[in-house]
Amino acid sequence: MDEAHLGLRDFDPDRDSPFLYSTWRNALYYSPLEPIQDADRFFSEETKRIRKIIKDGAVIKIACLDETPDQIVGYSVINQNSLEFVYVKRDYRRIGVAKLLLEDGFKEVTNCLTKLGRDLAIKKKLKIKGEENGREKESASIPGEAD
């Protein structure tokens, strides 16, 4: 699979929301920076947080195959110059999907990261919202904890 067969399209809430919500919440739940004690509370809070990000006008790009635009291979969510989340299906990683999704750029990444997301942000020397020099500020929150 190469990048030439991939396309981008706008987010369609009616058809894309179930995939976006489930992959975003599951990625944070199953690869947390800190252990999550209360799954019900975590999923409820994350659903509310994602809903608010979308409602606030986040730019959501969907990566799909040119010949089957309903098959999502990845997506990015950028809210006010902050990368909230990027997801690429395992079979489509390392072929440029994330690069395609993030071409417009952003100034910082959210502090709600998976282990992999945090490692990549540090490796790429990206500013993590709520952190200075790789250390949490007092106001930074951990996924799954109430703000």
Protein backbone atom coordinates (compact mmCIF):
# COMPACT_ATOMS: atom_id res chain seq x y z
CA MET A 1 0.00 0.00 0.00
CA ASP A 2 1.42 3.40 -0.86
CA GLU A 3 0.37 6.97 -0.19
CA ALA A 4 -0.86 7.46 -3.79
CA HIS A 5 -3.95 5.32 -3.07
CA LEU A 6 -4.94 7.36 -0.04
CA GLY A 7 -7.21 10.35 0.05
CA LEU A 8 -8.48 12.82 2.60
CA ARG A 9 -12.08 13.79 3.18
CA ASP A 10 -14.03 15.82 5.68
CA PHE A 11 -15.44 14.29 8.84
CA ASP A 12 -19.06 13.16 8.51
CA PRO A 13 -20.52 12.97 12.04
CA ASP A 14 -23.27 10.54 11.03
CA ARG A 15 -21.00 7.89 9.54
CA ASP A 16 -17.63 8.57 11.21
CA SER A 17 -18.47 9.26 14.87
CA PRO A 18 -18.72 5.63 16.06
CA PHE A 19 -15.25 4.81 14.68
CA LEU A 20 -13.70 8.04 15.96
CA TYR A 21 -15.12 7.74 19.50
CA SER A 22 -14.29 4.05 19.91
CA THR A 23 -10.72 4.19 18.60
CA TRP A 24 -9.87 7.41 20.46
CA ARG A 25 -11.23 6.24 23.83
CA ASN A 26 -9.84 2.71 23.49
CA ALA A 27 -6.36 3.94 22.56
CA LEU A 28 -6.23 6.13 25.66
CA TYR A 29 -7.72 3.43 27.88
CA TYR A 30 -5.50 0.55 26.74
CA SER A 31 -2.27 2.56 26.52
CA PRO A 32 -2.48 5.08 29.36
CA LEU A 33 0.40 7.05 30.80
CA GLU A 34 -1.03 6.29 34.25
CA PRO A 35 -3.19 3.32 35.35
CA ILE A 36 -6.92 3.92 35.01
CA GLN A 37 -8.91 2.63 37.96
CA ASP A 38 -12.53 3.30 37.01
CA ALA A 39 -13.35 2.24 33.43
CA ASP A 40 -16.96 3.44 33.50
CA ARG A 41 -15.97 6.88 34.69
CA PHE A 42 -13.08 7.04 32.21
CA PHE A 43 -15.25 6.22 29.18
CA SER A 44 -17.99 8.60 30.31
CA GLU A 45 -15.54 11.48 30.84
CA GLU A 46 -13.68 10.83 27.58
CA THR A 47 -16.95 10.75 25.64
CA LYS A 48 -17.85 14.16 27.09
CA ARG A 49 -14.37 15.54 26.38
CA ILE A 50 -14.36 14.32 22.76
CA ARG A 51 -17.90 15.61 22.20
CA LYS A 52 -16.82 19.06 23.46
CA ILE A 53 -13.72 19.10 21.23
CA ILE A 54 -15.88 18.31 18.20
CA LYS A 55 -18.56 20.83 19.21
CA ASP A 56 -15.89 23.53 19.68
CA GLY A 57 -15.10 23.28 15.97
CA ALA A 58 -12.09 21.02 15.79
CA VAL A 59 -10.82 20.28 12.29
CA ILE A 60 -11.14 16.56 11.69
CA LYS A 61 -9.55 14.98 8.64
CA ILE A 62 -10.36 11.44 7.58
CA ALA A 63 -7.80 9.38 5.64
CA CYS A 64 -9.38 6.75 3.45
CA LEU A 65 -8.68 4.66 0.40
CA ASP A 66 -9.44 6.53 -2.83
CA GLU A 67 -11.62 3.72 -4.14
CA THR A 68 -13.53 3.21 -0.86
CA PRO A 69 -13.97 6.55 0.96
CA ASP A 70 -16.16 4.94 3.63
CA GLN A 71 -13.24 2.79 4.82
CA ILE A 72 -11.35 4.91 7.34
CA VAL A 73 -7.63 4.16 7.64
CA GLY A 74 -6.88 7.07 9.98
CA TYR A 75 -7.90 10.50 11.21
CA SER A 76 -6.56 13.61 12.89
CA VAL A 77 -8.26 16.06 15.23
CA ILE A 78 -6.79 19.56 15.52
CA ASN A 79 -8.46 22.09 17.80
CA GLN A 80 -7.21 25.68 17.86
CA ASN A 81 -3.68 24.79 16.68
CA SER A 82 -3.42 21.92 19.18
CA LEU A 83 -3.22 18.34 17.97
CA GLU A 84 -5.85 16.53 20.05
CA PHE A 85 -5.47 13.09 18.53
CA VAL A 86 -4.17 11.24 15.49
CA TYR A 87 -4.99 7.62 14.77
CA VAL A 88 -3.86 5.26 12.00
CA LYS A 89 -4.97 1.64 11.68
CA ARG A 90 -2.11 -0.77 12.32
CA ASP A 91 -2.02 -2.13 8.73
CA TYR A 92 -1.59 1.41 7.35
CA ARG A 93 1.18 2.65 9.64
CA ARG A 94 4.63 3.67 8.39
CA ILE A 95 3.43 4.50 4.86
CA GLY A 96 2.81 8.24 5.36
CA VAL A 97 -0.81 8.32 6.55
CA ALA A 98 -0.09 10.41 9.68
CA LYS A 99 2.12 12.74 7.63
CA LEU A 100 -0.72 13.22 5.15
CA LEU A 101 -3.18 13.90 7.98
CA LEU A 102 -0.90 16.44 9.67
CA GLU A 103 0.30 18.45 6.66
CA ASP A 104 -1.44 21.67 7.80
CA GLY A 105 0.49 21.67 11.05
CA PHE A 106 -0.17 22.56 14.64
CA LYS A 107 1.70 24.35 17.40
CA GLU A 108 1.36 21.88 20.28
CA VAL A 109 -0.06 18.50 21.21
CA THR A 110 -2.60 17.83 23.91
CA ASN A 111 -1.52 16.30 27.19
CA CYS A 112 -4.04 13.43 26.78
CA LEU A 113 -1.60 11.06 25.12
CA THR A 114 -1.00 7.36 24.77
CA LYS A 115 2.45 6.02 25.65
CA LEU A 116 3.35 5.93 21.95
CA GLY A 117 1.98 9.45 21.40
CA ARG A 118 4.05 10.84 24.25
CA ASP A 119 7.20 9.07 23.04
CA LEU A 120 6.68 10.45 19.52
CA ALA A 121 5.98 13.97 20.79
CA ILE A 122 9.20 13.92 22.81
CA LYS A 123 11.19 12.42 19.92
CA LYS A 124 9.89 15.08 17.52
CA LYS A 125 10.46 17.79 20.18
CA LEU A 126 6.83 18.90 20.06
CA LYS A 127 5.44 21.16 22.76
CA ILE A 128 3.04 19.21 24.97
CA LYS A 129 0.15 21.32 26.25
CA GLY A 130 0.48 21.80 30.00
CA GLU A 131 4.16 20.89 30.13
CA GLU A 132 7.43 22.76 30.19
CA ASN A 133 10.71 21.02 29.36
CA GLY A 134 9.06 17.58 29.50
CA ARG A 135 7.64 18.10 33.02
CA GLU A 136 3.97 18.49 33.89
CA LYS A 137 2.71 21.85 35.05
CA GLU A 138 0.27 21.91 37.95
CA SER A 139 -2.70 22.36 35.57
CA ALA A 140 -2.02 19.36 33.34
CA SER A 141 -4.45 16.46 33.67
CA ILE A 142 -4.04 12.75 33.21
CA PRO A 143 -6.48 10.88 30.96
CA GLY A 144 -9.22 9.32 33.03
CA GLU A 145 -9.00 11.75 35.93
CA ALA A 146 -11.57 14.45 36.48
CA ASP A 147 -10.42 18.01 35.77
